[in-house]
Amino acid sequence: MQKEEILRLIKETIAKTIPSGAKVILFGSQARGDAREDLDGEYSYFTE
């Protein structure tokens, strides 16, 4: 699976599962841009 396809699926999943108005933050090696292809991503979401 290509990176673009993975990102699209992540965005779709977030849109379906995270409360409206929440902020989603990607952190760790994926956010820094130095992740290996076999690593997962770390996400947090915050609501008011």
Protein backbone atom coordinates (compact mmCIF):
# COMPACT_ATOMS: atom_id res chain seq x y z
CA MET A 1 0.00 0.00 0.00
CA GLN A 2 1.31 3.43 -0.93
CA LYS A 3 1.81 6.19 1.65
CA GLU A 4 -0.91 8.34 0.05
CA GLU A 5 -3.44 5.51 0.35
CA ILE A 6 -2.52 4.93 3.99
CA LEU A 7 -2.95 8.63 4.78
CA ARG A 8 -6.34 8.66 3.05
CA LEU A 9 -7.50 5.69 5.11
CA ILE A 10 -6.27 7.29 8.34
CA LYS A 11 -8.13 10.52 7.53
CA GLU A 12 -11.33 8.61 6.75
CA THR A 13 -11.10 6.63 9.98
CA ILE A 14 -10.49 9.77 12.04
CA ALA A 15 -13.45 11.51 10.40
CA LYS A 16 -15.72 8.56 11.27
CA THR A 17 -14.57 7.96 14.85
CA ILE A 18 -13.27 11.15 16.47
CA PRO A 19 -15.82 13.63 17.86
CA SER A 20 -16.57 16.65 15.70
CA GLY A 21 -14.42 19.64 16.65
CA ALA A 22 -11.67 17.53 18.22
CA LYS A 23 -8.06 18.24 17.36
CA VAL A 24 -5.98 15.28 16.17
CA ILE A 25 -2.21 15.42 16.63
CA LEU A 26 0.33 13.12 15.04
CA PHE A 27 3.54 12.86 17.05
CA GLY A 28 6.71 10.80 17.27
CA SER A 29 8.92 9.74 14.39
CA GLN A 30 6.08 9.97 11.84
CA ALA A 31 5.52 13.64 12.72
CA ARG A 32 9.24 14.39 12.58
CA GLY A 33 9.50 12.69 9.22
CA ASP A 34 12.20 10.23 10.21
CA ALA A 35 10.09 7.08 10.67
CA ARG A 36 10.96 3.78 9.08
CA GLU A 37 8.35 2.19 6.83
CA ASP A 38 7.67 -0.58 9.35
CA LEU A 39 6.78 1.78 12.22
CA ASP A 40 3.30 2.78 13.28
CA GLY A 41 2.06 6.29 14.01
CA GLU A 42 1.13 7.80 17.33
CA TYR A 43 -2.00 9.95 17.44
CA SER A 44 -3.81 11.81 20.18
CA TYR A 45 -7.05 13.70 20.04
CA PHE A 46 -8.29 16.48 22.27
CA THR A 47 -11.76 17.84 22.84
CA GLU A 48 -12.82 20.96 24.67
